[in-house]
N, C-alpha and C. Protein backbone atom coordinates (compact mmCIF):
# COMPACT_ATOMS: atom_id res chain seq x y z
N GLN A 1 0.83 -1.19 0.00
CA GLN A 1 0.00 0.00 0.00
C GLN A 1 0.87 1.25 0.00
N ASP A 2 2.03 1.19 0.64
CA ASP A 2 2.95 2.32 0.64
C ASP A 2 3.41 2.64 -0.78
N LEU A 3 3.59 1.61 -1.61
CA LEU A 3 3.99 1.78 -3.00
C LEU A 3 2.89 2.48 -3.79
N LEU A 4 1.62 2.13 -3.51
CA LEU A 4 0.50 2.76 -4.20
C LEU A 4 0.39 4.23 -3.84
N SER A 5 0.56 4.57 -2.60
CA SER A 5 0.45 5.98 -2.22
C SER A 5 1.60 6.78 -2.79
N SER A 6 2.77 6.17 -2.92
CA SER A 6 3.92 6.84 -3.53
C SER A 6 3.66 7.08 -5.01
N ALA A 7 3.07 6.11 -5.72
CA ALA A 7 2.77 6.25 -7.14
C ALA A 7 1.71 7.32 -7.36
N SER A 8 0.70 7.38 -6.49
CA SER A 8 -0.35 8.38 -6.68
C SER A 8 0.18 9.78 -6.42
N SER A 9 1.14 9.94 -5.51
CA SER A 9 1.69 11.27 -5.27
C SER A 9 2.55 11.70 -6.45
N GLN A 10 3.22 10.74 -7.13
CA GLN A 10 3.99 11.09 -8.31
C GLN A 10 3.07 11.45 -9.47
N ASP A 11 1.91 10.78 -9.58
CA ASP A 11 0.94 11.12 -10.62
C ASP A 11 0.46 12.55 -10.44
N LYS A 12 0.26 12.98 -9.18
CA LYS A 12 -0.17 14.35 -8.93
C LYS A 12 0.90 15.34 -9.37
N LEU A 13 2.17 14.98 -9.20
CA LEU A 13 3.25 15.88 -9.61
C LEU A 13 3.34 16.00 -11.12
N LEU A 14 2.99 14.94 -11.85
CA LEU A 14 3.17 14.92 -13.28
C LEU A 14 1.96 15.41 -14.06
N THR A 15 0.83 15.62 -13.41
CA THR A 15 -0.34 16.09 -14.15
C THR A 15 -0.19 17.56 -14.43
N SER A 16 -0.74 18.01 -15.56
CA SER A 16 -0.62 19.41 -15.95
C SER A 16 -1.57 20.30 -15.15
N ASP A 17 -2.60 19.71 -14.51
CA ASP A 17 -3.56 20.51 -13.76
C ASP A 17 -2.98 20.99 -12.44
N SER A 18 -2.18 20.18 -11.82
CA SER A 18 -1.73 20.50 -10.47
C SER A 18 -0.61 21.51 -10.49
N GLN A 19 -0.49 22.28 -9.42
CA GLN A 19 0.57 23.24 -9.25
C GLN A 19 1.82 22.50 -8.79
N PRO A 20 3.01 23.00 -9.16
CA PRO A 20 4.22 22.34 -8.70
C PRO A 20 4.34 22.42 -7.18
N SER A 21 4.82 21.36 -6.62
CA SER A 21 4.95 21.29 -5.18
C SER A 21 6.10 22.17 -4.72
N SER A 22 5.93 22.81 -3.56
CA SER A 22 6.97 23.69 -3.08
C SER A 22 8.00 22.96 -2.24
N SER A 23 7.70 21.75 -1.81
CA SER A 23 8.67 21.03 -0.99
C SER A 23 9.71 20.39 -1.89
N SER A 24 10.97 20.50 -1.51
CA SER A 24 12.05 20.00 -2.34
C SER A 24 12.18 18.49 -2.27
N SER A 25 11.65 17.86 -1.23
CA SER A 25 11.80 16.41 -1.10
C SER A 25 10.89 15.65 -2.05
N SER A 26 9.76 16.26 -2.48
CA SER A 26 8.84 15.53 -3.34
C SER A 26 9.01 15.91 -4.83
N SER A 27 9.84 16.89 -5.13
CA SER A 27 10.02 17.26 -6.53
C SER A 27 10.95 16.27 -7.22
N ILE A 28 10.77 16.12 -8.53
CA ILE A 28 11.58 15.19 -9.31
C ILE A 28 12.68 15.99 -9.97
N ASP A 29 13.91 15.58 -9.77
CA ASP A 29 15.05 16.25 -10.38
C ASP A 29 15.23 15.72 -11.80
N SER A 30 15.49 16.61 -12.75
CA SER A 30 15.62 16.18 -14.14
C SER A 30 16.83 15.27 -14.32
N GLN A 31 17.83 15.41 -13.49
CA GLN A 31 19.00 14.54 -13.59
C GLN A 31 18.67 13.10 -13.21
N GLU A 32 17.65 12.92 -12.37
CA GLU A 32 17.26 11.57 -11.98
C GLU A 32 16.60 10.82 -13.13
N LEU A 33 16.02 11.55 -14.06
CA LEU A 33 15.33 10.93 -15.18
C LEU A 33 16.30 10.46 -16.26
N LEU A 34 17.51 11.02 -16.30
CA LEU A 34 18.48 10.63 -17.30
C LEU A 34 19.16 9.34 -16.90
N PRO A 35 19.52 8.49 -17.88
CA PRO A 35 20.25 7.27 -17.52
C PRO A 35 21.63 7.65 -17.00
N SER A 36 22.07 6.91 -16.00
CA SER A 36 23.37 7.22 -15.41
C SER A 36 24.48 6.78 -16.35
N SER A 37 25.54 7.59 -16.43
CA SER A 37 26.67 7.28 -17.28
C SER A 37 27.88 7.02 -16.41
N PRO A 38 28.87 6.30 -16.92
CA PRO A 38 30.07 6.05 -16.12
C PRO A 38 30.76 7.36 -15.75
N ALA A 39 31.36 7.40 -14.58
CA ALA A 39 32.00 8.61 -14.09
C ALA A 39 33.21 8.98 -14.92
N SER A 40 33.83 8.01 -15.60
CA SER A 40 35.04 8.30 -16.37
C SER A 40 34.75 9.03 -17.67
N ALA A 41 33.55 8.86 -18.23
CA ALA A 41 33.22 9.51 -19.50
C ALA A 41 32.66 10.90 -19.23
N PRO A 42 33.30 11.95 -19.79
CA PRO A 42 32.77 13.30 -19.59
C PRO A 42 31.49 13.47 -20.41
N PRO A 43 30.60 14.37 -19.99
CA PRO A 43 29.38 14.59 -20.76
C PRO A 43 29.70 15.19 -22.12
N VAL A 44 29.01 14.72 -23.12
CA VAL A 44 29.24 15.18 -24.48
C VAL A 44 28.22 16.25 -24.80
N PHE A 45 28.70 17.41 -25.26
CA PHE A 45 27.81 18.50 -25.64
C PHE A 45 27.71 18.55 -27.15
N VAL A 46 26.50 18.41 -27.67
CA VAL A 46 26.27 18.48 -29.11
C VAL A 46 25.46 19.74 -29.37
N PRO A 47 26.05 20.74 -30.02
CA PRO A 47 25.30 21.98 -30.27
C PRO A 47 24.21 21.74 -31.29
N GLU A 48 23.13 22.48 -31.13
CA GLU A 48 22.05 22.41 -32.11
C GLU A 48 22.53 23.07 -33.40
N LEU A 49 21.89 22.74 -34.51
CA LEU A 49 22.29 23.28 -35.80
C LEU A 49 22.18 24.79 -35.83
N GLU A 50 21.14 25.33 -35.20
CA GLU A 50 20.96 26.78 -35.19
C GLU A 50 22.11 27.48 -34.50
N HIS A 51 22.61 26.89 -33.44
CA HIS A 51 23.66 27.53 -32.67
C HIS A 51 25.03 27.29 -33.29
N SER A 52 25.17 26.29 -34.14
CA SER A 52 26.48 26.01 -34.72
C SER A 52 26.81 26.96 -35.87
N VAL A 53 25.83 27.58 -36.47
CA VAL A 53 26.05 28.54 -37.54
C VAL A 53 25.81 29.93 -36.96
N SER A 54 26.81 30.78 -37.04
CA SER A 54 26.68 32.11 -36.44
C SER A 54 25.68 32.95 -37.24
N GLU A 55 25.13 33.95 -36.58
CA GLU A 55 24.13 34.81 -37.19
C GLU A 55 24.66 35.51 -38.43
N GLU A 56 25.91 35.95 -38.40
CA GLU A 56 26.43 36.73 -39.51
C GLU A 56 26.65 35.92 -40.77
N TRP A 57 26.76 34.59 -40.65
CA TRP A 57 26.99 33.75 -41.82
C TRP A 57 25.71 33.09 -42.32
N ARG A 58 24.63 33.25 -41.59
CA ARG A 58 23.38 32.65 -42.01
C ARG A 58 22.70 33.54 -43.06
N LEU A 59 22.13 32.95 -44.10
CA LEU A 59 21.47 33.71 -45.16
C LEU A 59 20.14 34.25 -44.65
N PRO A 60 19.95 35.57 -44.68
CA PRO A 60 18.67 36.12 -44.21
C PRO A 60 17.53 35.69 -45.13
N GLU A 61 16.38 35.47 -44.54
CA GLU A 61 15.22 35.04 -45.32
C GLU A 61 14.76 36.14 -46.29
N LEU A 62 15.10 37.40 -46.01
CA LEU A 62 14.72 38.49 -46.90
C LEU A 62 15.39 38.38 -48.26
N CYS A 63 16.52 37.68 -48.33
CA CYS A 63 17.20 37.50 -49.62
C CYS A 63 16.35 36.69 -50.60
N LEU A 64 15.44 35.91 -50.09
CA LEU A 64 14.61 35.06 -50.94
C LEU A 64 13.37 35.80 -51.46
N ASP A 65 13.08 36.96 -50.90
CA ASP A 65 11.95 37.75 -51.38
C ASP A 65 12.28 38.34 -52.75
N PRO A 66 11.25 38.72 -53.53
CA PRO A 66 11.53 39.31 -54.84
C PRO A 66 12.13 40.72 -54.73
N CYS A 67 12.60 41.22 -55.84
CA CYS A 67 13.19 42.56 -55.94
C CYS A 67 12.25 43.60 -55.35
N LEU A 68 12.81 44.53 -54.57
CA LEU A 68 11.98 45.56 -53.95
C LEU A 68 11.48 46.59 -54.94
N ILE A 69 12.10 46.67 -56.11
CA ILE A 69 11.71 47.67 -57.10
C ILE A 69 10.67 47.13 -58.07
N CYS A 70 10.97 46.02 -58.75
CA CYS A 70 10.02 45.48 -59.75
C CYS A 70 9.08 44.43 -59.17
N GLN A 71 9.42 43.84 -58.03
CA GLN A 71 8.61 42.83 -57.35
C GLN A 71 8.36 41.58 -58.20
N SER A 72 9.17 41.36 -59.24
CA SER A 72 8.94 40.18 -60.08
C SER A 72 10.16 39.27 -60.18
N ARG A 73 11.35 39.82 -60.22
CA ARG A 73 12.57 39.02 -60.36
C ARG A 73 13.22 38.81 -59.00
N PRO A 74 14.06 37.77 -58.90
CA PRO A 74 14.75 37.52 -57.61
C PRO A 74 15.84 38.57 -57.36
N LYS A 75 16.15 38.77 -56.10
CA LYS A 75 17.22 39.70 -55.72
C LYS A 75 18.56 39.06 -56.07
N ASN A 76 19.21 39.60 -57.09
CA ASN A 76 20.52 39.08 -57.48
C ASN A 76 21.47 40.18 -57.94
N GLY A 77 21.11 41.43 -57.74
CA GLY A 77 21.97 42.55 -58.12
C GLY A 77 22.45 43.27 -56.89
N CYS A 78 23.68 42.99 -56.47
CA CYS A 78 24.21 43.62 -55.27
C CYS A 78 24.70 45.03 -55.60
N ILE A 79 24.14 46.01 -54.94
CA ILE A 79 24.51 47.41 -55.11
C ILE A 79 25.69 47.68 -54.18
N VAL A 80 26.85 47.99 -54.78
CA VAL A 80 28.09 48.13 -54.02
C VAL A 80 28.45 49.59 -53.85
N HIS A 81 28.87 49.95 -52.65
CA HIS A 81 29.38 51.28 -52.34
C HIS A 81 30.43 51.13 -51.26
N GLY A 82 31.66 51.47 -51.61
CA GLY A 82 32.76 51.29 -50.67
C GLY A 82 33.07 49.81 -50.50
N ARG A 83 33.21 49.38 -49.25
CA ARG A 83 33.51 47.98 -48.97
C ARG A 83 32.25 47.19 -48.64
N THR A 84 31.09 47.80 -48.77
CA THR A 84 29.83 47.13 -48.45
C THR A 84 28.88 47.18 -49.64
N GLY A 85 27.79 46.44 -49.53
CA GLY A 85 26.78 46.45 -50.56
C GLY A 85 25.43 46.03 -50.00
N HIS A 86 24.40 46.26 -50.77
CA HIS A 86 23.05 45.86 -50.36
C HIS A 86 22.43 45.00 -51.45
N LEU A 87 21.87 43.89 -51.05
CA LEU A 87 21.20 42.98 -51.98
C LEU A 87 19.70 43.17 -51.78
N ILE A 88 19.16 44.16 -52.47
CA ILE A 88 17.75 44.50 -52.30
C ILE A 88 16.97 44.49 -53.61
N SER A 89 17.69 44.33 -54.74
CA SER A 89 17.01 44.38 -56.03
C SER A 89 17.56 43.33 -56.98
N CYS A 90 16.88 43.19 -58.09
CA CYS A 90 17.37 42.29 -59.13
C CYS A 90 18.51 43.00 -59.88
N TYR A 91 19.23 42.25 -60.67
CA TYR A 91 20.37 42.81 -61.40
C TYR A 91 19.91 43.87 -62.39
N VAL A 92 18.79 43.65 -63.08
CA VAL A 92 18.28 44.59 -64.07
C VAL A 92 17.95 45.93 -63.42
N CYS A 93 17.22 45.90 -62.32
CA CYS A 93 16.84 47.15 -61.64
C CYS A 93 18.05 47.84 -61.03
N ALA A 94 18.98 47.07 -60.48
CA ALA A 94 20.18 47.66 -59.91
C ALA A 94 21.02 48.36 -60.98
N ARG A 95 21.13 47.75 -62.17
CA ARG A 95 21.87 48.38 -63.27
C ARG A 95 21.18 49.66 -63.73
N LYS A 96 19.85 49.66 -63.75
CA LYS A 96 19.12 50.88 -64.13
C LYS A 96 19.38 52.01 -63.12
N LEU A 97 19.40 51.66 -61.84
CA LEU A 97 19.69 52.67 -60.81
C LEU A 97 21.09 53.25 -61.01
N LYS A 98 22.06 52.40 -61.27
CA LYS A 98 23.44 52.84 -61.48
C LYS A 98 23.54 53.71 -62.72
N LYS A 99 22.91 53.28 -63.82
CA LYS A 99 22.97 54.02 -65.09
C LYS A 99 22.35 55.42 -64.94
N ARG A 100 21.31 55.53 -64.13
CA ARG A 100 20.62 56.82 -63.93
C ARG A 100 21.22 57.64 -62.79
N ASN A 101 22.38 57.19 -62.29
CA ASN A 101 23.09 57.88 -61.20
C ASN A 101 22.21 58.08 -59.95
N LYS A 102 21.39 57.09 -59.66
CA LYS A 102 20.56 57.13 -58.45
C LYS A 102 21.38 56.68 -57.25
N LEU A 103 20.88 56.95 -56.07
CA LEU A 103 21.52 56.52 -54.84
C LEU A 103 21.00 55.14 -54.43
N CYS A 104 21.75 54.46 -53.58
CA CYS A 104 21.32 53.16 -53.06
C CYS A 104 20.00 53.34 -52.32
N PRO A 105 18.98 52.56 -52.65
CA PRO A 105 17.69 52.70 -51.98
C PRO A 105 17.74 52.36 -50.49
N ALA A 106 18.73 51.58 -50.07
CA ALA A 106 18.80 51.17 -48.67
C ALA A 106 19.46 52.22 -47.78
N CYS A 107 20.57 52.81 -48.26
CA CYS A 107 21.34 53.71 -47.39
C CYS A 107 21.60 55.09 -47.99
N ARG A 108 21.18 55.32 -49.21
CA ARG A 108 21.31 56.60 -49.90
C ARG A 108 22.75 56.98 -50.24
N LEU A 109 23.67 56.01 -50.28
CA LEU A 109 25.04 56.28 -50.71
C LEU A 109 25.12 56.15 -52.23
N PRO A 110 26.07 56.84 -52.87
CA PRO A 110 26.22 56.69 -54.33
C PRO A 110 26.62 55.26 -54.70
N ILE A 111 26.04 54.75 -55.77
CA ILE A 111 26.32 53.39 -56.22
C ILE A 111 27.61 53.40 -57.03
N GLN A 112 28.60 52.62 -56.60
CA GLN A 112 29.87 52.52 -57.31
C GLN A 112 29.81 51.47 -58.41
N CYS A 113 29.21 50.32 -58.11
CA CYS A 113 29.06 49.27 -59.11
C CYS A 113 27.96 48.32 -58.70
N VAL A 114 27.56 47.46 -59.62
CA VAL A 114 26.54 46.46 -59.38
C VAL A 114 27.14 45.11 -59.72
N ILE A 115 26.96 44.15 -58.83
CA ILE A 115 27.53 42.81 -59.01
C ILE A 115 26.40 41.80 -59.12
N LEU A 116 26.45 40.97 -60.16
CA LEU A 116 25.50 39.88 -60.31
C LEU A 116 25.83 38.84 -59.26
N THR A 117 24.86 38.50 -58.40
CA THR A 117 25.10 37.66 -57.25
C THR A 117 24.30 36.37 -57.38
N TYR A 118 24.96 35.24 -57.07
CA TYR A 118 24.32 33.94 -57.06
C TYR A 118 24.22 33.43 -55.63
N LEU A 119 23.03 33.06 -55.20
CA LEU A 119 22.83 32.50 -53.87
C LEU A 119 22.76 30.99 -53.99
N CYS A 120 23.59 30.32 -53.24
CA CYS A 120 23.62 28.85 -53.29
C CYS A 120 23.09 28.26 -52.01
């Protein structure tokens, strides 16, 4: 009967309706649920895929949207100014902006050149 009362108290802890118990003796430690490993083997940390690729090297989802100017072709015309550039338009629209001596639509800097860009 002692085993039954112990099982029913654990059921109360695991149900989503009940509030977590404030006593530390009846709470279940997450380490207790994991299988025990030999003391000689250090724990292995496996980073998730999201964390293994840094933010600066990940391709922004906005690159997959269509050209901001014509809204029909893919963004593949990088507008270059100085050591930086903006990939906001298709190559055709970017060349038209450069030919008409327009400024970069993103930062308003003069366009030095346009590079045809391939996203892989």
